[in-house]
Amino acid sequence: MAYDEYLGERISQFFESRNTAFEAKKMMGGLCFMVDDKMCCGIVKDQLMARIDPGIYQDCLEMDGVNDMNFTGRPMKGYLFIDAEAIDEDEQLDYWLDKCLEFNPKAKSSKRR
């Protein structure tokens, strides 16, 4: 299993409940959720990958179950990994997904190749 499919269903239900148009794309060995053609959040194994406002990034790192996203040996500011235990309850997952949606309008879109 490359990513937690149940978590993918929970994220899809969250966006649907908020009437938010999204697209789920397989990438980076996981699943990425695009909102307005921008990466909003994703799943890598059983962790939530959250794209949040870099202004709250450092404070969020101090929370339980939250780690920096580090694929290349350098953390990517504004991107977090949230452990499965920290998003077990719907309220916990909703908290992080709300943070992702709040930042999405300010996020830069990736350039198409």
N, C-alpha and C. Protein backbone atom coordinates (compact mmCIF):
# COMPACT_ATOMS: atom_id res chain seq x y z
N MET A 1 0.85 -1.19 0.00
CA MET A 1 0.00 0.00 0.00
C MET A 1 0.89 1.24 0.00
N ALA A 2 0.77 2.07 -1.00
CA ALA A 2 1.59 3.28 -1.12
C ALA A 2 1.07 4.38 -0.20
N TYR A 3 -0.24 4.45 0.00
CA TYR A 3 -0.82 5.46 0.87
C TYR A 3 -2.10 4.92 1.49
N ASP A 4 -2.53 5.55 2.57
CA ASP A 4 -3.72 5.14 3.32
C ASP A 4 -4.97 5.55 2.54
N GLU A 5 -5.61 4.59 1.92
CA GLU A 5 -6.79 4.88 1.09
C GLU A 5 -7.97 5.38 1.93
N TYR A 6 -8.08 4.89 3.16
CA TYR A 6 -9.16 5.36 4.03
C TYR A 6 -8.97 6.84 4.35
N LEU A 7 -7.74 7.26 4.59
CA LEU A 7 -7.47 8.68 4.82
C LEU A 7 -7.85 9.48 3.57
N GLY A 8 -7.58 8.94 2.41
CA GLY A 8 -7.98 9.60 1.16
C GLY A 8 -9.49 9.81 1.08
N GLU A 9 -10.25 8.80 1.51
CA GLU A 9 -11.71 8.93 1.53
C GLU A 9 -12.16 10.01 2.52
N ARG A 10 -11.50 10.05 3.67
CA ARG A 10 -11.84 11.06 4.68
C ARG A 10 -11.57 12.47 4.16
N ILE A 11 -10.46 12.64 3.47
CA ILE A 11 -10.11 13.96 2.92
C ILE A 11 -11.11 14.34 1.83
N SER A 12 -11.45 13.40 0.96
CA SER A 12 -12.44 13.66 -0.09
C SER A 12 -13.77 14.09 0.53
N GLN A 13 -14.20 13.39 1.56
CA GLN A 13 -15.46 13.74 2.23
C GLN A 13 -15.40 15.14 2.84
N PHE A 14 -14.24 15.50 3.38
CA PHE A 14 -14.07 16.84 3.95
C PHE A 14 -14.30 17.90 2.87
N PHE A 15 -13.62 17.76 1.73
CA PHE A 15 -13.76 18.74 0.66
C PHE A 15 -15.20 18.78 0.13
N GLU A 16 -15.81 17.62 -0.02
CA GLU A 16 -17.20 17.57 -0.49
C GLU A 16 -18.13 18.25 0.50
N SER A 17 -17.91 18.07 1.80
CA SER A 17 -18.78 18.69 2.81
C SER A 17 -18.64 20.21 2.81
N ARG A 18 -17.52 20.71 2.31
CA ARG A 18 -17.27 22.15 2.25
C ARG A 18 -17.56 22.71 0.84
N ASN A 19 -18.13 21.87 -0.03
CA ASN A 19 -18.42 22.26 -1.41
C ASN A 19 -17.19 22.85 -2.10
N THR A 20 -16.05 22.21 -1.86
CA THR A 20 -14.78 22.64 -2.44
C THR A 20 -14.42 21.73 -3.60
N ALA A 21 -14.26 22.31 -4.77
CA ALA A 21 -13.84 21.52 -5.93
C ALA A 21 -12.38 21.10 -5.73
N PHE A 22 -12.09 19.83 -5.98
CA PHE A 22 -10.74 19.32 -5.80
C PHE A 22 -10.48 18.22 -6.82
N GLU A 23 -9.22 17.92 -6.99
CA GLU A 23 -8.81 16.81 -7.85
C GLU A 23 -7.77 16.01 -7.08
N ALA A 24 -7.94 14.70 -7.01
CA ALA A 24 -6.97 13.82 -6.36
C ALA A 24 -6.06 13.26 -7.44
N LYS A 25 -4.75 13.43 -7.25
CA LYS A 25 -3.76 12.95 -8.22
C LYS A 25 -2.73 12.09 -7.51
N LYS A 26 -2.40 10.96 -8.13
CA LYS A 26 -1.33 10.14 -7.58
C LYS A 26 0.00 10.78 -7.97
N MET A 27 0.82 11.05 -6.95
CA MET A 27 2.16 11.59 -7.19
C MET A 27 3.01 11.41 -5.95
N MET A 28 4.31 11.45 -6.12
CA MET A 28 5.28 11.33 -5.04
C MET A 28 5.07 10.05 -4.23
N GLY A 29 4.60 8.99 -4.86
CA GLY A 29 4.36 7.74 -4.16
C GLY A 29 3.16 7.79 -3.24
N GLY A 30 2.35 8.82 -3.38
CA GLY A 30 1.17 8.97 -2.53
C GLY A 30 0.03 9.57 -3.32
N LEU A 31 -0.81 10.31 -2.65
CA LEU A 31 -1.96 10.95 -3.26
C LEU A 31 -1.94 12.42 -2.90
N CYS A 32 -2.12 13.26 -3.90
CA CYS A 32 -2.11 14.71 -3.71
C CYS A 32 -3.50 15.25 -4.03
N PHE A 33 -3.96 16.19 -3.21
CA PHE A 33 -5.26 16.83 -3.45
C PHE A 33 -5.01 18.25 -3.93
N MET A 34 -5.49 18.52 -5.13
CA MET A 34 -5.32 19.82 -5.76
C MET A 34 -6.61 20.63 -5.60
N VAL A 35 -6.48 21.89 -5.22
CA VAL A 35 -7.60 22.83 -5.12
C VAL A 35 -7.18 24.05 -5.91
N ASP A 36 -7.98 24.46 -6.87
CA ASP A 36 -7.65 25.60 -7.75
C ASP A 36 -6.30 25.38 -8.44
N ASP A 37 -6.06 24.16 -8.89
CA ASP A 37 -4.83 23.78 -9.59
C ASP A 37 -3.57 23.99 -8.76
N LYS A 38 -3.71 23.97 -7.42
CA LYS A 38 -2.57 24.10 -6.53
C LYS A 38 -2.60 22.96 -5.52
N MET A 39 -1.41 22.45 -5.17
CA MET A 39 -1.34 21.40 -4.17
C MET A 39 -1.84 21.96 -2.84
N CYS A 40 -2.86 21.31 -2.30
CA CYS A 40 -3.45 21.75 -1.04
C CYS A 40 -3.00 20.86 0.12
N CYS A 41 -3.05 19.56 -0.10
CA CYS A 41 -2.63 18.59 0.90
C CYS A 41 -2.39 17.26 0.20
N GLY A 42 -1.97 16.28 0.95
CA GLY A 42 -1.72 14.99 0.35
C GLY A 42 -1.55 13.91 1.39
N ILE A 43 -1.28 12.72 0.91
CA ILE A 43 -1.06 11.56 1.76
C ILE A 43 0.22 10.88 1.31
N VAL A 44 1.11 10.63 2.26
CA VAL A 44 2.31 9.84 2.02
C VAL A 44 2.29 8.73 3.07
N LYS A 45 2.14 7.51 2.62
CA LYS A 45 1.96 6.35 3.50
C LYS A 45 0.73 6.59 4.36
N ASP A 46 0.90 6.74 5.68
CA ASP A 46 -0.27 6.98 6.53
C ASP A 46 -0.25 8.38 7.14
N GLN A 47 0.57 9.26 6.58
CA GLN A 47 0.67 10.63 7.09
C GLN A 47 -0.04 11.62 6.17
N LEU A 48 -0.59 12.65 6.80
CA LEU A 48 -1.14 13.77 6.04
C LEU A 48 0.00 14.71 5.72
N MET A 49 0.11 15.11 4.47
CA MET A 49 1.05 16.15 4.07
C MET A 49 0.21 17.43 3.97
N ALA A 50 0.51 18.40 4.81
CA ALA A 50 -0.27 19.63 4.87
C ALA A 50 0.54 20.80 4.35
N ARG A 51 -0.04 21.54 3.41
CA ARG A 51 0.58 22.77 2.91
C ARG A 51 -0.11 23.93 3.62
N ILE A 52 0.64 24.58 4.51
CA ILE A 52 0.06 25.61 5.36
C ILE A 52 0.79 26.94 5.17
N ASP A 53 0.25 27.97 5.77
CA ASP A 53 0.87 29.29 5.73
C ASP A 53 2.25 29.22 6.39
N PRO A 54 3.31 29.61 5.68
CA PRO A 54 4.64 29.59 6.29
C PRO A 54 4.74 30.44 7.56
N GLY A 55 3.85 31.39 7.72
CA GLY A 55 3.85 32.23 8.91
C GLY A 55 3.48 31.49 10.19
N ILE A 56 2.77 30.37 10.09
CA ILE A 56 2.41 29.58 11.27
C ILE A 56 3.17 28.27 11.33
N TYR A 57 4.05 28.06 10.38
CA TYR A 57 4.80 26.81 10.25
C TYR A 57 5.54 26.45 11.53
N GLN A 58 6.33 27.36 12.07
CA GLN A 58 7.15 27.07 13.25
C GLN A 58 6.30 26.71 14.45
N ASP A 59 5.20 27.44 14.66
CA ASP A 59 4.31 27.14 15.79
C ASP A 59 3.69 25.75 15.63
N CYS A 60 3.33 25.40 14.43
CA CYS A 60 2.71 24.09 14.18
C CYS A 60 3.69 22.95 14.45
N LEU A 61 4.97 23.18 14.18
CA LEU A 61 5.98 22.14 14.41
C LEU A 61 6.08 21.74 15.89
N GLU A 62 5.63 22.60 16.78
CA GLU A 62 5.69 22.31 18.20
C GLU A 62 4.53 21.44 18.68
N MET A 63 3.57 21.19 17.81
CA MET A 63 2.40 20.38 18.18
C MET A 63 2.74 18.89 18.09
N ASP A 64 2.06 18.09 18.90
CA ASP A 64 2.28 16.65 18.91
C ASP A 64 1.93 16.03 17.56
N GLY A 65 2.80 15.15 17.09
CA GLY A 65 2.55 14.42 15.86
C GLY A 65 2.83 15.19 14.59
N VAL A 66 3.45 16.36 14.71
CA VAL A 66 3.72 17.21 13.55
C VAL A 66 5.22 17.25 13.30
N ASN A 67 5.61 17.01 12.04
CA ASN A 67 7.02 17.02 11.65
C ASN A 67 7.19 17.81 10.36
N ASP A 68 8.40 18.30 10.15
CA ASP A 68 8.65 19.00 8.89
C ASP A 68 8.67 17.99 7.75
N MET A 69 8.33 18.45 6.57
CA MET A 69 8.39 17.61 5.38
C MET A 69 9.80 17.71 4.85
N ASN A 70 10.46 16.58 4.78
CA ASN A 70 11.87 16.58 4.46
C ASN A 70 12.17 15.43 3.50
N PHE A 71 12.05 15.68 2.21
CA PHE A 71 12.34 14.66 1.20
C PHE A 71 13.80 14.67 0.78
N THR A 72 14.41 15.85 0.81
CA THR A 72 15.73 16.03 0.19
C THR A 72 16.85 16.27 1.19
N GLY A 73 16.55 16.19 2.48
CA GLY A 73 17.54 16.52 3.48
C GLY A 73 17.37 17.93 4.01
N ARG A 74 16.52 18.71 3.36
CA ARG A 74 16.18 20.06 3.81
C ARG A 74 14.68 20.16 3.99
N PRO A 75 14.24 20.66 5.15
CA PRO A 75 12.79 20.82 5.35
C PRO A 75 12.22 21.84 4.37
N MET A 76 11.01 21.60 3.94
CA MET A 76 10.31 22.54 3.05
C MET A 76 9.37 23.39 3.91
N LYS A 77 9.70 24.65 4.11
CA LYS A 77 8.90 25.53 4.96
C LYS A 77 7.50 25.66 4.38
N GLY A 78 6.53 25.48 5.26
CA GLY A 78 5.13 25.56 4.84
C GLY A 78 4.52 24.21 4.53
N TYR A 79 5.34 23.16 4.56
CA TYR A 79 4.86 21.80 4.32
C TYR A 79 5.13 20.96 5.56
N LEU A 80 4.13 20.26 6.05
CA LEU A 80 4.25 19.45 7.25
C LEU A 80 3.78 18.03 7.00
N PHE A 81 4.32 17.11 7.76
CA PHE A 81 3.78 15.76 7.85
C PHE A 81 3.07 15.66 9.19
N ILE A 82 1.83 15.18 9.17
CA ILE A 82 1.04 14.99 10.38
C ILE A 82 0.87 13.48 10.56
N ASP A 83 1.34 12.97 11.70
CA ASP A 83 1.26 11.53 11.97
C ASP A 83 -0.20 11.06 12.06
N ALA A 84 -0.41 9.80 11.75
CA ALA A 84 -1.75 9.21 11.74
C ALA A 84 -2.46 9.39 13.09
N GLU A 85 -1.72 9.25 14.19
CA GLU A 85 -2.33 9.38 15.52
C GLU A 85 -2.85 10.79 15.78
N ALA A 86 -2.26 11.78 15.12
CA ALA A 86 -2.64 13.18 15.34
C ALA A 86 -3.84 13.60 14.48
N ILE A 87 -4.31 12.69 13.61
CA ILE A 87 -5.48 13.00 12.77
C ILE A 87 -6.50 11.87 12.84
N ASP A 88 -6.43 11.09 13.90
CA ASP A 88 -7.32 9.95 14.07
C ASP A 88 -8.78 10.39 14.19
N GLU A 89 -9.02 11.43 14.94
CA GLU A 89 -10.38 11.96 15.11
C GLU A 89 -10.70 12.92 13.96
N ASP A 90 -11.97 12.94 13.55
CA ASP A 90 -12.37 13.83 12.46
C ASP A 90 -12.07 15.29 12.76
N GLU A 91 -12.25 15.70 14.02
CA GLU A 91 -11.99 17.09 14.39
C GLU A 91 -10.51 17.44 14.19
N GLN A 92 -9.63 16.48 14.47
CA GLN A 92 -8.20 16.71 14.29
C GLN A 92 -7.86 16.87 12.81
N LEU A 93 -8.40 15.97 11.99
CA LEU A 93 -8.16 16.05 10.54
C LEU A 93 -8.74 17.34 9.99
N ASP A 94 -9.96 17.69 10.40
CA ASP A 94 -10.60 18.92 9.92
C ASP A 94 -9.76 20.15 10.26
N TYR A 95 -9.15 20.17 11.44
CA TYR A 95 -8.30 21.30 11.84
C TYR A 95 -7.21 21.53 10.81
N TRP A 96 -6.49 20.45 10.46
CA TRP A 96 -5.37 20.59 9.52
C TRP A 96 -5.85 20.89 8.11
N LEU A 97 -6.93 20.27 7.69
CA LEU A 97 -7.43 20.54 6.34
C LEU A 97 -7.95 21.97 6.23
N ASP A 98 -8.53 22.49 7.30
CA ASP A 98 -8.94 23.90 7.30
C ASP A 98 -7.73 24.81 7.14
N LYS A 99 -6.62 24.47 7.81
CA LYS A 99 -5.39 25.26 7.66
C LYS A 99 -4.90 25.22 6.21
N CYS A 100 -5.00 24.07 5.58
CA CYS A 100 -4.59 23.94 4.18
C CYS A 100 -5.48 24.79 3.27
N LEU A 101 -6.78 24.73 3.49
CA LEU A 101 -7.71 25.52 2.66
C LEU A 101 -7.54 27.02 2.89
N GLU A 102 -7.24 27.43 4.13
CA GLU A 102 -7.03 28.85 4.41
C GLU A 102 -5.84 29.39 3.63
N PHE A 103 -4.79 28.58 3.50
CA PHE A 103 -3.59 29.04 2.80
C PHE A 103 -3.72 28.93 1.29
N ASN A 104 -4.53 28.03 0.81
CA ASN A 104 -4.59 27.74 -0.63
C ASN A 104 -4.75 28.97 -1.51
N PRO A 105 -5.61 29.94 -1.20
CA PRO A 105 -5.72 31.11 -2.09
C PRO A 105 -4.43 31.91 -2.19
N LYS A 106 -3.57 31.84 -1.16
CA LYS A 106 -2.31 32.59 -1.16
C LYS A 106 -1.16 31.78 -1.76
N ALA A 107 -1.35 30.48 -1.90
CA ALA A 107 -0.27 29.60 -2.38
C ALA A 107 0.02 29.86 -3.85
N LYS A 108 1.28 29.68 -4.20
CA LYS A 108 1.66 29.82 -5.60
C LYS A 108 1.41 28.51 -6.31
N SER A 109 0.96 28.62 -7.54
CA SER A 109 0.74 27.46 -8.37
C SER A 109 2.06 26.99 -8.96
N SER A 110 2.23 25.69 -9.06
CA SER A 110 3.44 25.16 -9.70
C SER A 110 3.41 25.47 -11.19
N LYS A 111 4.57 25.76 -11.72
CA LYS A 111 4.64 26.02 -13.16
C LYS A 111 4.52 24.71 -13.91
N ARG A 112 3.73 24.72 -14.93
CA ARG A 112 3.57 23.51 -15.77
C ARG A 112 4.76 23.38 -16.68
N ARG A 113 5.18 22.12 -16.85
CA ARG A 113 6.34 21.86 -17.72
C ARG A 113 5.90 21.61 -19.13
